[in-house]
Amino acid sequence: MNNFIGYYYRHFKRLQSRHSSFIEILLNFLLWKYPLYKNIIYCTDRIIKLPLNNDVIIRRCHDISELNDNELSAINNYLGEKFYEQYVALFDDGAELWLGTKAGSLAGACWSHWHKKETDHFYVPLKATDARILFCYVLPEHRGQSIYPKMIREISNTLISENAGKVFIDCKSWNHPSVRGIQKAGFKLYGSAWEFKIGSARWAFMNNCPTNK
């Protein structure tokens, strides 16, 4: 069946009729290139005090120039060559990068973003003082050491201490390690929503998140 769809997908892509865009979207969806998934949203509005003891050092960066050559190399090996322009774009948008290092080598990374504009939306309308933690990962050789929960807990504690109203984080429902890490860090369940994504555009539906008051 996939071979059949793939054959027509390759040929329909060459069509220049007014229906070709719809056909391409439909076939991409059938080929699972435009996934439909459920996101779980968590939140905290207070300092979290939990014992998460490990020797990870967490550093906050505001510009790509603050990363050393070893860190850039480790990120490049994990994310690929396009990471550099993506990271520069995130810094330009006002996001902050948090690096977790262990024994002098990169162990993981997370981004945070303040929503200074009240027109910004997440799965709920975000206030100017709200913040998000996003695009987190732990390098494979450092997984299973509670690095992720320690990082997001320290990030959220720092943001709350800097007068963030709420700090949000989300993950896919099937990403059980992330779900466990977020819960271990002390975040509370806020809601869930289904999402359909095509390129940079996305649509959320069946959103059961409460209004952010």
Protein backbone atom coordinates (compact mmCIF):
# COMPACT_ATOMS: atom_id res chain seq x y z
CA MET A 1 0.00 0.00 0.00
CA ASN A 2 2.81 2.43 0.89
CA ASN A 3 4.53 1.65 -2.42
CA PHE A 4 1.29 2.43 -4.23
CA ILE A 5 0.88 5.74 -2.40
CA GLY A 6 4.55 6.57 -2.89
CA TYR A 7 4.31 6.02 -6.65
CA TYR A 8 1.36 8.36 -7.03
CA TYR A 9 2.86 10.84 -4.62
CA ARG A 10 5.97 11.16 -6.81
CA HIS A 11 3.85 11.63 -9.95
CA PHE A 12 1.22 13.92 -8.47
CA LYS A 13 3.95 16.25 -7.21
CA ARG A 14 4.67 17.09 -10.83
CA LEU A 15 1.13 18.26 -11.45
CA GLN A 16 0.72 22.00 -11.68
CA SER A 17 -3.08 22.10 -11.57
CA ARG A 18 -4.99 24.01 -8.93
CA HIS A 19 -5.64 20.70 -7.16
CA SER A 20 -2.01 19.67 -6.83
CA SER A 21 -1.50 21.35 -3.43
CA PHE A 22 -4.43 19.47 -1.94
CA ILE A 23 -3.23 16.18 -3.42
CA GLU A 24 0.27 16.73 -2.06
CA ILE A 25 -1.02 17.53 1.42
CA LEU A 26 -3.31 14.48 1.40
CA LEU A 27 -0.58 12.10 0.26
CA ASN A 28 1.93 13.53 2.71
CA PHE A 29 -0.59 12.93 5.47
CA LEU A 30 -1.11 9.32 4.33
CA LEU A 31 2.66 8.85 4.28
CA TRP A 32 2.81 10.23 7.85
CA LYS A 33 4.93 13.21 6.83
CA TYR A 34 2.39 15.53 8.44
CA PRO A 35 1.83 13.84 11.79
CA LEU A 36 -1.14 14.13 14.06
CA TYR A 37 -0.22 13.86 17.71
CA LYS A 38 -1.36 14.63 21.23
CA ASN A 39 0.57 17.12 23.33
CA ILE A 40 0.49 17.16 27.12
CA ILE A 41 0.96 20.56 28.75
CA TYR A 42 2.45 21.05 32.20
CA CYS A 43 2.87 24.20 34.28
CA THR A 44 4.33 25.58 37.48
CA ASP A 45 3.96 28.96 39.16
CA ARG A 46 6.21 28.41 42.18
CA ILE A 47 9.73 27.46 43.19
CA ILE A 48 10.07 23.67 43.14
CA LYS A 49 12.18 22.13 45.91
CA LEU A 50 12.93 18.52 45.13
CA PRO A 51 16.09 16.49 45.75
CA LEU A 52 17.67 15.96 42.34
CA ASN A 53 21.31 15.46 43.12
CA ASN A 54 23.80 15.04 40.31
CA ASP A 55 26.93 16.83 39.20
CA VAL A 56 25.42 18.65 36.23
CA ILE A 57 26.34 22.32 35.89
CA ILE A 58 23.71 24.46 34.15
CA ARG A 59 24.65 27.60 32.27
CA ARG A 60 22.44 30.25 30.65
CA CYS A 61 23.40 31.67 27.24
CA HIS A 62 22.04 34.72 25.42
CA ASP A 63 24.10 34.52 22.23
CA ILE A 64 25.65 31.84 20.02
CA SER A 65 29.10 33.33 20.71
CA GLU A 66 28.86 32.10 24.32
CA LEU A 67 29.13 28.45 23.23
CA ASN A 68 32.62 26.99 23.08
CA ASP A 69 33.95 24.80 20.26
CA ASN A 70 33.34 21.53 22.10
CA GLU A 71 29.71 22.46 22.78
CA LEU A 72 29.13 23.53 19.18
CA SER A 73 30.67 20.28 17.95
CA ALA A 74 28.52 18.15 20.28
CA ILE A 75 25.33 19.94 19.20
CA ASN A 76 26.30 19.65 15.54
CA ASN A 77 26.89 15.90 15.92
CA TYR A 78 23.48 15.45 17.54
CA LEU A 79 21.28 17.88 15.58
CA GLY A 80 23.12 18.21 12.27
CA GLU A 81 24.63 21.10 10.37
CA LYS A 82 21.47 23.22 10.18
CA PHE A 83 21.39 23.74 13.94
CA TYR A 84 23.60 26.85 13.78
CA GLU A 85 21.20 29.03 11.79
CA GLN A 86 18.28 27.71 13.83
CA TYR A 87 20.03 28.61 17.07
CA VAL A 88 20.93 32.08 15.79
CA ALA A 89 17.26 32.62 14.82
CA LEU A 90 16.11 31.57 18.30
CA PHE A 91 18.58 33.95 19.96
CA ASP A 92 17.44 36.75 17.62
CA ASP A 93 13.84 36.06 18.72
CA GLY A 94 14.78 36.61 22.34
CA ALA A 95 15.04 32.98 23.46
CA GLU A 96 17.63 31.85 25.99
CA LEU A 97 19.67 28.65 25.77
CA TRP A 98 20.45 26.60 28.86
CA LEU A 99 23.31 24.11 28.65
CA GLY A 100 23.88 21.25 31.06
CA THR A 101 27.46 20.03 31.28
CA LYS A 102 28.86 17.06 33.17
CA ALA A 103 32.56 16.48 33.74
CA GLY A 104 33.30 19.24 31.22
CA SER A 105 31.24 17.79 28.35
CA LEU A 106 27.80 18.76 27.08
CA ALA A 107 25.04 16.57 28.54
CA GLY A 108 21.86 18.36 27.46
CA ALA A 109 20.21 21.60 26.39
CA CYS A 110 16.91 23.46 26.74
CA TRP A 111 15.51 26.74 25.50
CA SER A 112 13.28 29.19 27.35
CA HIS A 113 11.27 32.09 26.01
CA TRP A 114 9.51 34.97 27.72
CA HIS A 115 6.27 36.05 26.12
CA LYS A 116 6.55 39.80 26.29
CA LYS A 117 3.64 40.25 23.87
CA GLU A 118 0.23 39.35 25.21
CA THR A 119 -0.78 38.41 21.66
CA ASP A 120 1.51 35.37 21.81
CA HIS A 121 -0.38 32.10 22.11
CA PHE A 122 0.59 28.63 23.17
CA TYR A 123 -2.25 26.18 23.78
CA VAL A 124 -3.61 28.93 26.01
CA PRO A 125 -3.25 32.72 25.70
CA LEU A 126 0.06 33.62 27.30
CA LYS A 127 0.48 36.68 29.45
CA ALA A 128 3.45 39.00 29.08
CA THR A 129 5.03 37.56 32.24
CA ASP A 130 4.57 33.88 31.29
CA ALA A 131 7.44 31.78 29.99
CA ARG A 132 7.94 28.50 28.15
CA ILE A 133 10.61 25.83 28.27
CA LEU A 134 11.03 24.17 24.88
CA PHE A 135 13.30 22.25 22.49
CA CYS A 136 14.92 20.17 25.21
CA TYR A 137 17.17 17.17 24.69
CA VAL A 138 19.71 15.07 26.58
CA LEU A 139 22.55 13.48 24.64
CA PRO A 140 22.20 9.68 24.42
CA GLU A 141 25.29 8.89 26.50
CA HIS A 142 23.92 10.96 29.42
CA ARG A 143 20.35 9.66 29.53
CA GLY A 144 18.95 7.89 32.57
CA GLN A 145 20.77 10.16 35.03
CA SER A 146 17.94 12.62 35.89
CA ILE A 147 19.65 15.38 33.92
CA TYR A 148 16.46 16.48 32.15
CA PRO A 149 14.33 16.96 35.30
CA LYS A 150 17.16 18.80 37.03
CA MET A 151 17.59 21.16 34.07
CA ILE A 152 13.94 22.07 33.66
CA ARG A 153 13.47 22.43 37.41
CA GLU A 154 16.43 24.81 37.68
CA ILE A 155 15.27 26.77 34.62
CA SER A 156 11.74 27.15 35.97
CA ASN A 157 13.01 28.11 39.43
CA THR A 158 15.22 30.80 37.90
CA LEU A 159 12.38 32.17 35.77
CA ILE A 160 9.95 32.18 38.70
CA SER A 161 12.54 34.00 40.82
CA GLU A 162 12.71 36.59 38.02
CA ASN A 163 8.94 37.17 38.36
CA ALA A 164 7.57 34.80 35.72
CA GLY A 165 3.87 34.30 36.35
CA LYS A 166 3.70 30.75 35.02
CA VAL A 167 6.25 28.51 33.34
CA PHE A 168 4.87 26.06 30.77
CA ILE A 169 6.39 22.98 29.18
CA ASP A 170 4.85 20.41 26.86
CA CYS A 171 5.74 17.09 25.24
CA LYS A 172 4.22 14.44 22.99
CA SER A 173 2.03 11.93 24.81
CA TRP A 174 4.08 9.02 23.44
CA ASN A 175 7.35 10.45 24.77
CA HIS A 176 7.22 8.62 28.09
CA PRO A 177 10.76 9.55 29.25
CA SER A 178 9.89 13.26 28.84
CA VAL A 179 6.58 12.81 30.65
CA ARG A 180 8.33 11.11 33.56
CA GLY A 181 11.08 13.75 33.61
CA ILE A 182 8.60 16.65 33.69
CA GLN A 183 6.60 15.02 36.47
CA LYS A 184 9.79 14.23 38.41
CA ALA A 185 10.79 17.89 38.15
CA GLY A 186 7.58 18.85 39.97
CA PHE A 187 5.49 20.32 37.14
CA LYS A 188 1.73 19.86 37.38
CA LEU A 189 -0.57 18.72 34.59
CA TYR A 190 -2.30 21.69 32.95
CA GLY A 191 -4.13 20.09 30.03
CA SER A 192 -3.73 18.45 26.64
CA ALA A 193 -4.45 19.15 22.99
CA TRP A 194 -4.22 17.37 19.66
CA GLU A 195 -2.08 19.00 17.01
CA PHE A 196 -1.74 18.71 13.24
CA LYS A 197 1.36 20.25 11.70
CA ILE A 198 2.38 21.12 8.14
CA GLY A 199 5.74 22.85 7.85
CA SER A 200 5.71 25.85 10.16
CA ALA A 201 1.90 25.95 10.34
CA ARG A 202 0.04 24.02 13.01
CA TRP A 203 -3.52 23.55 14.15
CA ALA A 204 -4.59 22.57 17.67
CA PHE A 205 -7.98 21.02 18.38
CA MET A 206 -9.69 19.08 21.17
CA ASN A 207 -7.88 21.50 23.48
CA ASN A 208 -8.91 20.94 27.08
CA CYS A 209 -6.48 23.45 28.64
CA PRO A 210 -8.14 25.90 31.02
CA THR A 211 -8.04 29.62 30.25
CA ASN A 212 -4.88 31.18 31.59
CA LYS A 213 -6.22 33.67 34.15
